[in-house]
């Protein structure tokens, strides 16, 4: 059997933590290995248990989810993938958590199957979680910046790949859209991450929106 995706749940509401644990532990290949009720505790638990994915409440006492995400990503290598769990979709806290390094976000009212799909998706690191929502957050809360130097270093093909990443396409979907092999698409994605200095797809896409490389109102289509 393959190794299960190991998960830590961080939320100051015990009922929320319990509900998330019940849903995730019922799924084959997923295992909740720890819980935390504050941001500071989340950092400690994650450092000890080294999970693959962290479900992080954005608003918690002592240390909020933004600061906790920053600390986790700063001290662990390889770092876990962080999904921010929030009550409100249009929340500046959510966007700041994404800027801090969270791989995506999930609403607390999401259906169980959405939760499971989100965990599996970010564990694979293969596409952007809820691209339209990320685009909306970038339009509302993004910090407009001068054109980035990295944009000039992207090849034309890498620029196409970044736009498709922003549209939420996986490596396989990018390969099919651009009519290239899967290995070639993966190489282009790696090149985009390296040149933008991004930790993952989410940070690369946010950088693209904030620099104006992609307008937040557009989906970033490519032919």
C-alpha atoms as a PDB file:
ATOM      1  CA  UNK A   1       0.000   0.000   0.000  1.00  0.00           C
ATOM      2  CA  UNK A   2       1.163   3.545  -0.718  1.00  0.00           C
ATOM      3  CA  UNK A   3       2.084   5.838   2.154  1.00  0.00           C
ATOM      4  CA  UNK A   4      -0.961   7.842   3.337  1.00  0.00           C
ATOM      5  CA  UNK A   5      -1.095  11.618   3.197  1.00  0.00           C
ATOM      6  CA  UNK A   6      -0.406  12.737   6.776  1.00  0.00           C
ATOM      7  CA  UNK A   7      -2.456  15.716   7.949  1.00  0.00           C
ATOM      8  CA  UNK A   8      -2.462  18.129  10.898  1.00  0.00           C
ATOM      9  CA  UNK A   9      -5.667  20.051  11.664  1.00  0.00           C
ATOM     10  CA  UNK A  10      -5.287  23.458  13.344  1.00  0.00           C
ATOM     11  CA  UNK A  11      -8.460  25.226  14.511  1.00  0.00           C
ATOM     12  CA  UNK A  12      -9.477  26.840  17.797  1.00  0.00           C
ATOM     13  CA  UNK A  13     -12.912  25.195  17.605  1.00  0.00           C
ATOM     14  CA  UNK A  14     -12.763  21.608  18.879  1.00  0.00           C
ATOM     15  CA  UNK A  15     -15.960  20.664  17.030  1.00  0.00           C
ATOM     16  CA  UNK A  16     -14.455  21.826  13.744  1.00  0.00           C
ATOM     17  CA  UNK A  17     -11.279  19.830  14.399  1.00  0.00           C
ATOM     18  CA  UNK A  18     -13.316  16.743  15.232  1.00  0.00           C
ATOM     19  CA  UNK A  19     -15.483  17.066  12.125  1.00  0.00           C
ATOM     20  CA  UNK A  20     -12.460  17.451   9.868  1.00  0.00           C
ATOM     21  CA  UNK A  21     -10.736  14.474  11.484  1.00  0.00           C
ATOM     22  CA  UNK A  22     -13.794  12.243  11.058  1.00  0.00           C
ATOM     23  CA  UNK A  23     -14.152  13.138   7.371  1.00  0.00           C
ATOM     24  CA  UNK A  24     -10.484  12.731   6.527  1.00  0.00           C
ATOM     25  CA  UNK A  25      -9.795   9.588   8.539  1.00  0.00           C
ATOM     26  CA  UNK A  26     -12.674   7.885   6.755  1.00  0.00           C
ATOM     27  CA  UNK A  27     -10.871   8.265   3.420  1.00  0.00           C
ATOM     28  CA  UNK A  28      -8.394   5.721   2.117  1.00  0.00           C
ATOM     29  CA  UNK A  29      -4.905   7.176   1.862  1.00  0.00           C
ATOM     30  CA  UNK A  30      -5.542  10.064   4.269  1.00  0.00           C
ATOM     31  CA  UNK A  31      -4.591  10.146   7.958  1.00  0.00           C
ATOM     32  CA  UNK A  32      -4.952  12.912  10.541  1.00  0.00           C
ATOM     33  CA  UNK A  33      -1.851  12.592  12.716  1.00  0.00           C
ATOM     34  CA  UNK A  34      -2.268  15.622  14.959  1.00  0.00           C
ATOM     35  CA  UNK A  35      -4.346  18.617  16.035  1.00  0.00           C
ATOM     36  CA  UNK A  36      -3.681  22.138  17.308  1.00  0.00           C
ATOM     37  CA  UNK A  37      -5.950  24.770  18.841  1.00  0.00           C
ATOM     38  CA  UNK A  38      -3.733  27.852  18.369  1.00  0.00           C
ATOM     39  CA  UNK A  39      -1.298  29.083  15.775  1.00  0.00           C
ATOM     40  CA  UNK A  40       1.643  28.685  18.137  1.00  0.00           C
ATOM     41  CA  UNK A  41       0.608  25.124  18.932  1.00  0.00           C
ATOM     42  CA  UNK A  42       0.228  24.431  15.214  1.00  0.00           C
ATOM     43  CA  UNK A  43       3.851  25.404  14.608  1.00  0.00           C
ATOM     44  CA  UNK A  44       5.014  23.135  17.426  1.00  0.00           C
ATOM     45  CA  UNK A  45       2.875  20.156  16.360  1.00  0.00           C
ATOM     46  CA  UNK A  46       3.887  20.464  12.709  1.00  0.00           C
ATOM     47  CA  UNK A  47       7.574  20.671  13.604  1.00  0.00           C
ATOM     48  CA  UNK A  48       7.236  17.499  15.670  1.00  0.00           C
ATOM     49  CA  UNK A  49       5.059  15.416  13.346  1.00  0.00           C
ATOM     50  CA  UNK A  50       6.204  16.626   9.895  1.00  0.00           C
ATOM     51  CA  UNK A  51       2.862  16.138   8.116  1.00  0.00           C
ATOM     52  CA  UNK A  52       2.333  16.409   4.365  1.00  0.00           C
ATOM     53  CA  UNK A  53      -0.641  18.785   4.619  1.00  0.00           C
ATOM     54  CA  UNK A  54      -1.806  21.264   7.272  1.00  0.00           C
ATOM     55  CA  UNK A  55      -5.395  22.506   7.490  1.00  0.00           C
ATOM     56  CA  UNK A  56      -4.929  25.934   9.085  1.00  0.00           C
ATOM     57  CA  UNK A  57      -7.677  28.118  10.518  1.00  0.00           C
ATOM     58  CA  UNK A  58      -6.836  31.668   9.506  1.00  0.00           C
ATOM     59  CA  UNK A  59      -8.102  33.320  12.708  1.00  0.00           C
ATOM     60  CA  UNK A  60      -6.768  31.768  15.925  1.00  0.00           C
ATOM     61  CA  UNK A  61      -5.598  33.092  19.310  1.00  0.00           C
ATOM     62  CA  UNK A  62      -1.952  33.746  20.203  1.00  0.00           C
ATOM     63  CA  UNK A  63      -0.659  33.369  16.654  1.00  0.00           C
ATOM     64  CA  UNK A  64      -3.003  33.626  13.676  1.00  0.00           C
ATOM     65  CA  UNK A  65      -2.913  31.324  10.683  1.00  0.00           C
ATOM     66  CA  UNK A  66      -0.896  33.774   8.600  1.00  0.00           C
ATOM     67  CA  UNK A  67       1.986  34.005  11.047  1.00  0.00           C
ATOM     68  CA  UNK A  68       1.815  30.290  11.780  1.00  0.00           C
ATOM     69  CA  UNK A  69       2.059  29.521   8.056  1.00  0.00           C
ATOM     70  CA  UNK A  70       5.062  31.818   7.696  1.00  0.00           C
ATOM     71  CA  UNK A  71       6.852  30.168  10.610  1.00  0.00           C
ATOM     72  CA  UNK A  72       6.152  26.633   9.429  1.00  0.00           C
ATOM     73  CA  UNK A  73       7.409  27.316   5.928  1.00  0.00           C
ATOM     74  CA  UNK A  74      10.470  29.140   7.254  1.00  0.00           C
ATOM     75  CA  UNK A  75      11.698  26.371   9.528  1.00  0.00           C
ATOM     76  CA  UNK A  76      10.807  23.138   7.730  1.00  0.00           C
ATOM     77  CA  UNK A  77      12.444  21.754   4.620  1.00  0.00           C
ATOM     78  CA  UNK A  78      10.695  20.079   2.978  1.00  0.00           C
ATOM     79  CA  UNK A  79       7.734  22.070   4.198  1.00  0.00           C
ATOM     80  CA  UNK A  80       4.174  20.752   4.346  1.00  0.00           C
ATOM     81  CA  UNK A  81       1.468  22.106   2.093  1.00  0.00           C
ATOM     82  CA  UNK A  82      -0.831  24.473   3.971  1.00  0.00           C
ATOM     83  CA  UNK A  83      -4.535  24.878   3.199  1.00  0.00           C
ATOM     84  CA  UNK A  84      -6.167  27.818   4.936  1.00  0.00           C
ATOM     85  CA  UNK A  85      -9.630  26.964   6.271  1.00  0.00           C
ATOM     86  CA  UNK A  86     -11.869  30.005   6.558  1.00  0.00           C
ATOM     87  CA  UNK A  87     -15.456  31.107   7.102  1.00  0.00           C
ATOM     88  CA  UNK A  88     -15.365  33.891   4.527  1.00  0.00           C
ATOM     89  CA  UNK A  89     -14.116  33.586   0.959  1.00  0.00           C
ATOM     90  CA  UNK A  90     -13.521  37.300   0.396  1.00  0.00           C
ATOM     91  CA  UNK A  91     -11.224  37.954   3.312  1.00  0.00           C
ATOM     92  CA  UNK A  92      -7.961  39.893   3.295  1.00  0.00           C
ATOM     93  CA  UNK A  93      -6.641  37.405   5.867  1.00  0.00           C
ATOM     94  CA  UNK A  94      -7.026  34.608   3.321  1.00  0.00           C
ATOM     95  CA  UNK A  95      -5.104  36.517   0.683  1.00  0.00           C
ATOM     96  CA  UNK A  96      -2.332  37.369   3.124  1.00  0.00           C
ATOM     97  CA  UNK A  97      -2.101  33.691   4.044  1.00  0.00           C
ATOM     98  CA  UNK A  98      -1.711  32.814   0.371  1.00  0.00           C
ATOM     99  CA  UNK A  99       0.982  35.452   0.026  1.00  0.00           C
ATOM    100  CA  UNK A 100       2.675  33.988   3.101  1.00  0.00           C
ATOM    101  CA  UNK A 101       2.938  30.617   1.399  1.00  0.00           C
ATOM    102  CA  UNK A 102      -0.348  28.753   1.832  1.00  0.00           C
ATOM    103  CA  UNK A 103      -1.068  26.519  -1.142  1.00  0.00           C
ATOM    104  CA  UNK A 104      -4.768  27.341  -1.195  1.00  0.00           C
ATOM    105  CA  UNK A 105      -7.859  27.851   0.903  1.00  0.00           C
ATOM    106  CA  UNK A 106     -11.087  26.069   1.694  1.00  0.00           C
ATOM    107  CA  UNK A 107     -14.361  27.331   3.120  1.00  0.00           C
ATOM    108  CA  UNK A 108     -15.553  25.771   6.378  1.00  0.00           C
ATOM    109  CA  UNK A 109     -18.939  25.174   4.785  1.00  0.00           C
ATOM    110  CA  UNK A 110     -17.379  23.120   1.976  1.00  0.00           C
ATOM    111  CA  UNK A 111     -18.812  19.666   1.382  1.00  0.00           C
ATOM    112  CA  UNK A 112     -16.859  16.658   2.611  1.00  0.00           C
ATOM    113  CA  UNK A 113     -15.921  15.638  -0.925  1.00  0.00           C
ATOM    114  CA  UNK A 114     -14.513  19.120  -1.595  1.00  0.00           C
ATOM    115  CA  UNK A 115     -12.357  18.866   1.519  1.00  0.00           C
ATOM    116  CA  UNK A 116     -11.011  15.463   0.505  1.00  0.00           C
ATOM    117  CA  UNK A 117     -10.374  16.580  -3.071  1.00  0.00           C
ATOM    118  CA  UNK A 118      -8.551  19.708  -1.886  1.00  0.00           C
ATOM    119  CA  UNK A 119      -6.239  17.734   0.401  1.00  0.00           C
ATOM    120  CA  UNK A 120      -5.422  15.220  -2.314  1.00  0.00           C
ATOM    121  CA  UNK A 121      -4.836  17.974  -4.876  1.00  0.00           C
ATOM    122  CA  UNK A 122      -2.417  20.061  -2.815  1.00  0.00           C
ATOM    123  CA  UNK A 123      -0.596  16.926  -1.679  1.00  0.00           C
ATOM    124  CA  UNK A 124       0.137  16.236  -5.364  1.00  0.00           C
ATOM    125  CA  UNK A 125       1.120  19.908  -5.930  1.00  0.00           C
ATOM    126  CA  UNK A 126      -0.237  19.512  -9.432  1.00  0.00           C
ATOM    127  CA  UNK A 127      -2.698  22.373  -9.932  1.00  0.00           C
ATOM    128  CA  UNK A 128      -4.086  25.532  -8.362  1.00  0.00           C
ATOM    129  CA  UNK A 129      -6.853  25.146  -5.790  1.00  0.00           C
ATOM    130  CA  UNK A 130      -9.928  27.204  -6.761  1.00  0.00           C
ATOM    131  CA  UNK A 131      -8.207  29.426  -9.380  1.00  0.00           C
ATOM    132  CA  UNK A 132     -11.207  31.719  -9.896  1.00  0.00           C
ATOM    133  CA  UNK A 133     -11.338  32.485  -6.169  1.00  0.00           C
ATOM    134  CA  UNK A 134      -7.597  33.195  -6.065  1.00  0.00           C
ATOM    135  CA  UNK A 135      -8.033  35.523  -9.031  1.00  0.00           C
ATOM    136  CA  UNK A 136     -10.864  37.340  -7.240  1.00  0.00           C
ATOM    137  CA  UNK A 137      -8.786  37.763  -4.090  1.00  0.00           C
ATOM    138  CA  UNK A 138      -5.872  39.093  -6.145  1.00  0.00           C
ATOM    139  CA  UNK A 139      -8.160  41.633  -7.799  1.00  0.00           C
ATOM    140  CA  UNK A 140      -9.535  42.814  -4.457  1.00  0.00           C
ATOM    141  CA  UNK A 141      -6.507  42.646  -2.169  1.00  0.00           C
ATOM    142  CA  UNK A 142      -3.450  42.280  -4.395  1.00  0.00           C
ATOM    143  CA  UNK A 143      -0.669  44.814  -4.050  1.00  0.00           C
ATOM    144  CA  UNK A 144      -0.017  46.385  -7.400  1.00  0.00           C
ATOM    145  CA  UNK A 145       3.709  46.357  -8.086  1.00  0.00           C
ATOM    146  CA  UNK A 146       5.987  47.523 -10.917  1.00  0.00           C
ATOM    147  CA  UNK A 147       6.629  44.974 -13.681  1.00  0.00           C
ATOM    148  CA  UNK A 148       8.874  42.269 -12.282  1.00  0.00           C
ATOM    149  CA  UNK A 149      12.350  41.589 -13.645  1.00  0.00           C
ATOM    150  CA  UNK A 150      11.552  37.878 -13.803  1.00  0.00           C
ATOM    151  CA  UNK A 151       8.910  38.492 -16.473  1.00  0.00           C
ATOM    152  CA  UNK A 152      11.579  39.388 -19.026  1.00  0.00           C
ATOM    153  CA  UNK A 153      13.431  36.158 -18.271  1.00  0.00           C
ATOM    154  CA  UNK A 154      10.472  33.910 -19.039  1.00  0.00           C
ATOM    155  CA  UNK A 155      10.502  32.276 -22.433  1.00  0.00           C
ATOM    156  CA  UNK A 156       7.357  32.683 -24.527  1.00  0.00           C
ATOM    157  CA  UNK A 157       6.406  29.108 -23.706  1.00  0.00           C
ATOM    158  CA  UNK A 158       6.959  29.632 -19.988  1.00  0.00           C
ATOM    159  CA  UNK A 159       4.701  32.660 -20.168  1.00  0.00           C
ATOM    160  CA  UNK A 160       1.995  30.488 -21.714  1.00  0.00           C
ATOM    161  CA  UNK A 161       2.508  27.922 -18.981  1.00  0.00           C
ATOM    162  CA  UNK A 162       2.191  30.531 -16.225  1.00  0.00           C
ATOM    163  CA  UNK A 163      -1.102  31.745 -17.696  1.00  0.00           C
ATOM    164  CA  UNK A 164      -2.405  28.184 -17.804  1.00  0.00           C
ATOM    165  CA  UNK A 165      -1.254  27.626 -14.232  1.00  0.00           C
ATOM    166  CA  UNK A 166      -3.315  30.685 -13.275  1.00  0.00           C
ATOM    167  CA  UNK A 167      -6.311  29.107 -14.992  1.00  0.00           C
ATOM    168  CA  UNK A 168      -5.905  26.085 -12.721  1.00  0.00           C
ATOM    169  CA  UNK A 169      -4.631  23.540 -15.229  1.00  0.00           C
ATOM    170  CA  UNK A 170      -2.628  20.550 -14.035  1.00  0.00           C
ATOM    171  CA  UNK A 171       0.632  19.455 -15.654  1.00  0.00           C
ATOM    172  CA  UNK A 172      -1.237  16.886 -17.738  1.00  0.00           C
ATOM    173  CA  UNK A 173      -3.779  19.487 -18.861  1.00  0.00           C
ATOM    174  CA  UNK A 174      -1.028  21.978 -19.712  1.00  0.00           C
ATOM    175  CA  UNK A 175       0.738  19.308 -21.768  1.00  0.00           C
ATOM    176  CA  UNK A 176      -2.469  18.546 -23.666  1.00  0.00           C
ATOM    177  CA  UNK A 177      -3.281  22.228 -24.260  1.00  0.00           C
ATOM    178  CA  UNK A 178       0.208  23.037 -25.557  1.00  0.00           C
ATOM    179  CA  UNK A 179       0.583  19.710 -27.376  1.00  0.00           C
ATOM    180  CA  UNK A 180       3.793  18.780 -25.592  1.00  0.00           C
ATOM    181  CA  UNK A 181       4.861  15.783 -23.528  1.00  0.00           C
ATOM    182  CA  UNK A 182       4.128  15.544 -19.822  1.00  0.00           C
ATOM    183  CA  UNK A 183       7.831  15.740 -18.974  1.00  0.00           C
ATOM    184  CA  UNK A 184       8.189  18.900 -21.068  1.00  0.00           C
ATOM    185  CA  UNK A 185       5.241  20.541 -19.322  1.00  0.00           C
ATOM    186  CA  UNK A 186       6.706  19.650 -15.929  1.00  0.00           C
ATOM    187  CA  UNK A 187      10.050  21.168 -16.977  1.00  0.00           C
ATOM    188  CA  UNK A 188       8.329  24.399 -18.047  1.00  0.00           C
ATOM    189  CA  UNK A 189       6.461  24.597 -14.722  1.00  0.00           C
ATOM    190  CA  UNK A 190       9.730  24.124 -12.842  1.00  0.00           C
ATOM    191  CA  UNK A 191      11.267  26.890 -14.933  1.00  0.00           C
ATOM    192  CA  UNK A 192       8.417  29.256 -14.096  1.00  0.00           C
ATOM    193  CA  UNK A 193       8.791  28.553 -10.370  1.00  0.00           C
ATOM    194  CA  UNK A 194      12.537  29.060 -10.501  1.00  0.00           C
ATOM    195  CA  UNK A 195      12.361  32.351 -12.419  1.00  0.00           C
ATOM    196  CA  UNK A 196       9.549  33.828 -10.343  1.00  0.00           C
ATOM    197  CA  UNK A 197      11.241  32.696  -7.134  1.00  0.00           C
ATOM    198  CA  UNK A 198       7.980  31.076  -6.070  1.00  0.00           C
ATOM    199  CA  UNK A 199       7.619  28.225  -3.606  1.00  0.00           C
ATOM    200  CA  UNK A 200       4.764  26.707  -5.582  1.00  0.00           C
ATOM    201  CA  UNK A 201       2.069  27.417  -8.152  1.00  0.00           C
ATOM    202  CA  UNK A 202      -0.020  29.588  -5.868  1.00  0.00           C
ATOM    203  CA  UNK A 203       2.859  31.977  -5.146  1.00  0.00           C
ATOM    204  CA  UNK A 204       3.811  32.080  -8.842  1.00  0.00           C
ATOM    205  CA  UNK A 205       0.260  32.978  -9.824  1.00  0.00           C
ATOM    206  CA  UNK A 206      -0.023  35.654  -7.129  1.00  0.00           C
ATOM    207  CA  UNK A 207       3.277  37.136  -8.334  1.00  0.00           C
ATOM    208  CA  UNK A 208       1.910  37.141 -11.881  1.00  0.00           C
ATOM    209  CA  UNK A 209      -1.208  39.033 -10.823  1.00  0.00           C
ATOM    210  CA  UNK A 210       0.555  41.528  -8.571  1.00  0.00           C
ATOM    211  CA  UNK A 211       3.187  42.374 -11.181  1.00  0.00           C
ATOM    212  CA  UNK A 212       0.584  42.848 -13.898  1.00  0.00           C
ATOM    213  CA  UNK A 213       1.946  39.939 -15.941  1.00  0.00           C
ATOM    214  CA  UNK A 214      -1.623  38.631 -15.826  1.00  0.00           C
ATOM    215  CA  UNK A 215      -4.575  40.951 -15.240  1.00  0.00           C
ATOM    216  CA  UNK A 216      -6.645  39.651 -12.282  1.00  0.00           C
ATOM    217  CA  UNK A 217      -9.804  39.904 -14.371  1.00  0.00           C
ATOM    218  CA  UNK A 218      -8.485  37.454 -16.957  1.00  0.00           C
ATOM    219  CA  UNK A 219      -8.186  33.708 -16.810  1.00  0.00           C
ATOM    220  CA  UNK A 220      -4.781  33.589 -18.453  1.00  0.00           C
ATOM    221  CA  UNK A 221      -5.719  31.508 -21.476  1.00  0.00           C
ATOM    222  CA  UNK A 222      -3.112  30.341 -23.983  1.00  0.00           C
ATOM    223  CA  UNK A 223      -3.347  28.637 -27.296  1.00  0.00           C
END
